[in-house]
Amino acid sequence: MKMLLVLGSTFLGSALFQMPTAPPMKMGLWESTSTMKMGGMAMPQGMSMPNTTVKVRACMTPESYAKNLGAAQNQQDCTRSNEKWSAKGYSFDLACKRGNATGHAEITFDSPEAVHSVIHLSMNMGARSMDMDSTGESHFVSADCGNVSPDKPEVTR
């Protein structure tokens, strides 16, 4: 499960920061809520994998945007294809060597102050396979980031 969370976070970060050099959103404090649902694993009878919801506050600055853009472009483990940009969003397919994962992401910029995303990821690790579906909602909070550093997002779960 930890690997799925890391891969899902990398996947979402990659999607959010593989954008044109001019940010399509306001700079400042953003709050994001992501919910991940996992399935497909062989679980003992009576047990299920709970949904995981994570809430994060992050400070978006032009510098952090550019830094994250560069980091996402240098990912070596995953390959994006079928990338499609529009005035309102970005979608792509993804294939990653780690976890033998494939998936699809759609990110929609509802406005400069609101973004939502839908991500599906399938992993096949030998005899075990699993799916992860993630939905995310992000909204602009303030031009002032307060105590939240651009280098250290605040996870509030």
C-alpha atoms as a PDB file:
ATOM      1  CA  MET A   1       0.000   0.000   0.000  1.00  0.00           C
ATOM      2  CA  LYS A   2       2.852   2.372   0.798  1.00  0.00           C
ATOM      3  CA  MET A   3       4.185   1.897  -2.736  1.00  0.00           C
ATOM      4  CA  LEU A   4       0.759   2.779  -4.168  1.00  0.00           C
ATOM      5  CA  LEU A   5       0.620   5.980  -2.125  1.00  0.00           C
ATOM      6  CA  VAL A   6       4.099   6.985  -3.270  1.00  0.00           C
ATOM      7  CA  LEU A   7       3.367   6.099  -6.892  1.00  0.00           C
ATOM      8  CA  GLY A   8      -0.015   7.833  -6.760  1.00  0.00           C
ATOM      9  CA  SER A   9       1.525  10.988  -5.275  1.00  0.00           C
ATOM     10  CA  THR A  10       4.284  10.946  -7.894  1.00  0.00           C
ATOM     11  CA  PHE A  11       1.700  10.405 -10.605  1.00  0.00           C
ATOM     12  CA  LEU A  12      -0.446  13.311  -9.420  1.00  0.00           C
ATOM     13  CA  GLY A  13       2.554  15.571  -8.906  1.00  0.00           C
ATOM     14  CA  SER A  14       3.744  14.720 -12.364  1.00  0.00           C
ATOM     15  CA  ALA A  15       0.377  15.610 -13.778  1.00  0.00           C
ATOM     16  CA  LEU A  16       0.095  18.882 -11.945  1.00  0.00           C
ATOM     17  CA  PHE A  17       3.576  20.067 -12.766  1.00  0.00           C
ATOM     18  CA  GLN A  18       4.025  18.886 -16.351  1.00  0.00           C
ATOM     19  CA  MET A  19       2.392  22.102 -17.553  1.00  0.00           C
ATOM     20  CA  PRO A  20       3.284  25.044 -19.718  1.00  0.00           C
ATOM     21  CA  THR A  21       5.815  27.374 -18.144  1.00  0.00           C
ATOM     22  CA  ALA A  22       3.134  29.984 -17.314  1.00  0.00           C
ATOM     23  CA  PRO A  23       1.149  28.631 -14.347  1.00  0.00           C
ATOM     24  CA  PRO A  24      -2.580  28.257 -15.119  1.00  0.00           C
ATOM     25  CA  MET A  25      -3.411  28.921 -11.469  1.00  0.00           C
ATOM     26  CA  LYS A  26      -2.992  31.639  -8.870  1.00  0.00           C
ATOM     27  CA  MET A  27       0.171  31.642  -6.808  1.00  0.00           C
ATOM     28  CA  GLY A  28      -0.166  31.304  -3.036  1.00  0.00           C
ATOM     29  CA  LEU A  29      -1.626  28.835  -0.549  1.00  0.00           C
ATOM     30  CA  TRP A  30      -3.567  25.901  -2.008  1.00  0.00           C
ATOM     31  CA  GLU A  31      -5.507  23.177  -0.212  1.00  0.00           C
ATOM     32  CA  SER A  32      -5.984  19.781  -1.855  1.00  0.00           C
ATOM     33  CA  THR A  33      -8.042  16.789  -0.819  1.00  0.00           C
ATOM     34  CA  SER A  34      -7.304  13.465  -2.538  1.00  0.00           C
ATOM     35  CA  THR A  35      -9.183  10.226  -2.030  1.00  0.00           C
ATOM     36  CA  MET A  36      -7.657   6.935  -3.173  1.00  0.00           C
ATOM     37  CA  LYS A  37      -9.617   3.725  -3.569  1.00  0.00           C
ATOM     38  CA  MET A  38      -7.737   0.481  -4.078  1.00  0.00           C
ATOM     39  CA  GLY A  39      -9.057  -2.829  -5.296  1.00  0.00           C
ATOM     40  CA  GLY A  40      -8.225  -5.971  -7.168  1.00  0.00           C
ATOM     41  CA  MET A  41      -5.978  -7.409  -4.477  1.00  0.00           C
ATOM     42  CA  ALA A  42      -6.795 -10.801  -3.060  1.00  0.00           C
ATOM     43  CA  MET A  43      -7.897  -9.915   0.456  1.00  0.00           C
ATOM     44  CA  PRO A  44      -8.870 -12.388   3.188  1.00  0.00           C
ATOM     45  CA  GLN A  45     -12.642 -12.837   3.441  1.00  0.00           C
ATOM     46  CA  GLY A  46     -14.232 -10.132   5.571  1.00  0.00           C
ATOM     47  CA  MET A  47     -11.400  -7.676   5.005  1.00  0.00           C
ATOM     48  CA  SER A  48     -11.337  -4.767   2.615  1.00  0.00           C
ATOM     49  CA  MET A  49      -8.907  -2.008   1.763  1.00  0.00           C
ATOM     50  CA  PRO A  50     -10.226   1.261   3.212  1.00  0.00           C
ATOM     51  CA  ASN A  51     -10.332   4.408   1.118  1.00  0.00           C
ATOM     52  CA  THR A  52      -7.501   6.773   1.964  1.00  0.00           C
ATOM     53  CA  THR A  53      -8.161  10.500   2.084  1.00  0.00           C
ATOM     54  CA  VAL A  54      -5.302  12.950   2.380  1.00  0.00           C
ATOM     55  CA  LYS A  55      -5.563  16.710   2.782  1.00  0.00           C
ATOM     56  CA  VAL A  56      -2.525  18.841   1.935  1.00  0.00           C
ATOM     57  CA  ARG A  57      -1.797  22.567   2.092  1.00  0.00           C
ATOM     58  CA  ALA A  58       0.942  23.714  -0.256  1.00  0.00           C
ATOM     59  CA  CYS A  59       2.505  27.054  -1.085  1.00  0.00           C
ATOM     60  CA  MET A  60       2.715  27.601  -4.834  1.00  0.00           C
ATOM     61  CA  THR A  61       5.244  30.216  -5.934  1.00  0.00           C
ATOM     62  CA  PRO A  62       6.655  30.845  -9.413  1.00  0.00           C
ATOM     63  CA  GLU A  63       9.948  29.331  -8.168  1.00  0.00           C
ATOM     64  CA  SER A  64       8.354  26.189  -6.700  1.00  0.00           C
ATOM     65  CA  TYR A  65       6.267  25.806  -9.850  1.00  0.00           C
ATOM     66  CA  ALA A  66       9.393  25.964 -12.059  1.00  0.00           C
ATOM     67  CA  LYS A  67      11.317  23.612  -9.739  1.00  0.00           C
ATOM     68  CA  ASN A  68       8.520  21.014  -9.728  1.00  0.00           C
ATOM     69  CA  LEU A  69       8.093  21.360 -13.488  1.00  0.00           C
ATOM     70  CA  GLY A  70      11.755  20.447 -13.971  1.00  0.00           C
ATOM     71  CA  ALA A  71      11.589  17.533 -11.521  1.00  0.00           C
ATOM     72  CA  ALA A  72       8.519  16.046 -13.221  1.00  0.00           C
ATOM     73  CA  GLN A  73      10.149  16.236 -16.631  1.00  0.00           C
ATOM     74  CA  ASN A  74      13.169  14.279 -15.336  1.00  0.00           C
ATOM     75  CA  GLN A  75      11.251  11.200 -14.138  1.00  0.00           C
ATOM     76  CA  GLN A  76      13.052   8.136 -15.456  1.00  0.00           C
ATOM     77  CA  ASP A  77      10.708   5.380 -14.331  1.00  0.00           C
ATOM     78  CA  CYS A  78       7.505   6.536 -16.086  1.00  0.00           C
ATOM     79  CA  THR A  79       6.594   7.412 -19.646  1.00  0.00           C
ATOM     80  CA  ARG A  80       3.650   9.609 -20.612  1.00  0.00           C
ATOM     81  CA  SER A  81       1.792   9.197 -23.915  1.00  0.00           C
ATOM     82  CA  ASN A  82      -1.373  10.529 -25.553  1.00  0.00           C
ATOM     83  CA  GLU A  83      -0.830  13.878 -23.857  1.00  0.00           C
ATOM     84  CA  LYS A  84      -3.628  16.320 -24.617  1.00  0.00           C
ATOM     85  CA  TRP A  85      -3.705  19.950 -23.544  1.00  0.00           C
ATOM     86  CA  SER A  86      -6.697  22.242 -23.769  1.00  0.00           C
ATOM     87  CA  ALA A  87      -7.509  25.662 -22.377  1.00  0.00           C
ATOM     88  CA  LYS A  88      -9.203  23.924 -19.436  1.00  0.00           C
ATOM     89  CA  GLY A  89      -7.131  20.825 -18.773  1.00  0.00           C
ATOM     90  CA  TYR A  90      -4.560  18.163 -19.389  1.00  0.00           C
ATOM     91  CA  SER A  91      -4.869  14.405 -19.841  1.00  0.00           C
ATOM     92  CA  PHE A  92      -2.378  11.621 -20.504  1.00  0.00           C
ATOM     93  CA  ASP A  93      -1.692   7.908 -20.281  1.00  0.00           C
ATOM     94  CA  LEU A  94       1.155   6.661 -18.120  1.00  0.00           C
ATOM     95  CA  ALA A  95       3.335   3.546 -18.056  1.00  0.00           C
ATOM     96  CA  CYS A  96       5.788   2.976 -15.167  1.00  0.00           C
ATOM     97  CA  LYS A  97       8.384   0.242 -14.781  1.00  0.00           C
ATOM     98  CA  ARG A  98       8.061   0.331 -11.001  1.00  0.00           C
ATOM     99  CA  GLY A  99       5.120  -1.865 -10.098  1.00  0.00           C
ATOM    100  CA  ASN A 100       4.504  -2.593 -13.786  1.00  0.00           C
ATOM    101  CA  ALA A 101       1.873   0.165 -13.703  1.00  0.00           C
ATOM    102  CA  THR A 102      -0.269   1.726 -16.405  1.00  0.00           C
ATOM    103  CA  GLY A 103      -2.873   4.418 -16.039  1.00  0.00           C
ATOM    104  CA  HIS A 104      -4.721   7.475 -17.230  1.00  0.00           C
ATOM    105  CA  ALA A 105      -5.056  10.943 -15.692  1.00  0.00           C
ATOM    106  CA  GLU A 106      -7.359  13.867 -16.361  1.00  0.00           C
ATOM    107  CA  ILE A 107      -6.722  17.211 -14.697  1.00  0.00           C
ATOM    108  CA  THR A 108      -9.251  19.998 -15.148  1.00  0.00           C
ATOM    109  CA  PHE A 109      -8.556  23.645 -14.381  1.00  0.00           C
ATOM    110  CA  ASP A 110     -12.018  24.822 -13.405  1.00  0.00           C
ATOM    111  CA  SER A 111     -10.668  28.338 -12.841  1.00  0.00           C
ATOM    112  CA  PRO A 112      -7.389  29.941 -11.707  1.00  0.00           C
ATOM    113  CA  GLU A 113      -8.621  29.121  -8.174  1.00  0.00           C
ATOM    114  CA  ALA A 114      -9.903  25.539  -8.563  1.00  0.00           C
ATOM    115  CA  VAL A 115      -8.562  22.279 -10.019  1.00  0.00           C
ATOM    116  CA  HIS A 116      -9.890  18.740  -9.931  1.00  0.00           C
ATOM    117  CA  SER A 117      -8.383  15.459 -11.087  1.00  0.00           C
ATOM    118  CA  VAL A 118      -9.320  11.859 -11.786  1.00  0.00           C
ATOM    119  CA  ILE A 119      -6.615   9.200 -11.997  1.00  0.00           C
ATOM    120  CA  HIS A 120      -6.811   5.465 -12.655  1.00  0.00           C
ATOM    121  CA  LEU A 121      -3.743   3.267 -12.170  1.00  0.00           C
ATOM    122  CA  SER A 122      -3.393  -0.515 -12.616  1.00  0.00           C
ATOM    123  CA  MET A 123      -0.419  -2.383 -11.196  1.00  0.00           C
ATOM    124  CA  ASN A 124       0.599  -5.954 -11.924  1.00  0.00           C
ATOM    125  CA  MET A 125       3.242  -7.423  -9.630  1.00  0.00           C
ATOM    126  CA  GLY A 126       3.490 -11.039 -10.675  1.00  0.00           C
ATOM    127  CA  ALA A 127       0.538 -12.982  -9.287  1.00  0.00           C
ATOM    128  CA  ARG A 128      -0.826  -9.865  -7.562  1.00  0.00           C
ATOM    129  CA  SER A 129      -2.611  -7.087  -9.353  1.00  0.00           C
ATOM    130  CA  MET A 130      -4.355  -4.048  -8.000  1.00  0.00           C
ATOM    131  CA  ASP A 131      -6.109  -0.918  -9.177  1.00  0.00           C
ATOM    132  CA  MET A 132      -6.007   2.544  -7.689  1.00  0.00           C
ATOM    133  CA  ASP A 133      -8.555   5.224  -8.444  1.00  0.00           C
ATOM    134  CA  SER A 134      -7.880   8.694  -7.130  1.00  0.00           C
ATOM    135  CA  THR A 135      -9.987  11.820  -7.196  1.00  0.00           C
ATOM    136  CA  GLY A 136      -8.705  15.186  -6.125  1.00  0.00           C
ATOM    137  CA  GLU A 137     -10.078  18.647  -5.494  1.00  0.00           C
ATOM    138  CA  SER A 138      -7.763  21.633  -5.029  1.00  0.00           C
ATOM    139  CA  HIS A 139      -8.653  25.225  -4.303  1.00  0.00           C
ATOM    140  CA  PHE A 140      -6.825  28.475  -3.788  1.00  0.00           C
ATOM    141  CA  VAL A 141      -6.893  29.654  -0.164  1.00  0.00           C
ATOM    142  CA  SER A 142      -4.853  32.840  -0.016  1.00  0.00           C
ATOM    143  CA  ALA A 143      -2.079  34.810  -1.695  1.00  0.00           C
ATOM    144  CA  ASP A 144      -0.294  34.626   1.687  1.00  0.00           C
ATOM    145  CA  CYS A 145       1.104  31.158   2.443  1.00  0.00           C
ATOM    146  CA  GLY A 146       1.500  31.897   6.154  1.00  0.00           C
ATOM    147  CA  ASN A 147       3.741  29.289   7.785  1.00  0.00           C
ATOM    148  CA  VAL A 148       3.581  26.835   4.857  1.00  0.00           C
ATOM    149  CA  SER A 149       6.902  26.747   3.016  1.00  0.00           C
ATOM    150  CA  PRO A 150       7.029  26.121  -0.762  1.00  0.00           C
ATOM    151  CA  ASP A 151       9.501  23.287  -0.033  1.00  0.00           C
ATOM    152  CA  LYS A 152       7.394  21.611   2.696  1.00  0.00           C
ATOM    153  CA  PRO A 153       3.707  21.013   2.033  1.00  0.00           C
ATOM    154  CA  GLU A 154       1.638  20.476   5.162  1.00  0.00           C
ATOM    155  CA  VAL A 155      -0.233  17.161   5.349  1.00  0.00           C
ATOM    156  CA  THR A 156      -3.293  17.532   7.560  1.00  0.00           C
ATOM    157  CA  ARG A 157      -5.069  14.233   6.718  1.00  0.00           C
END
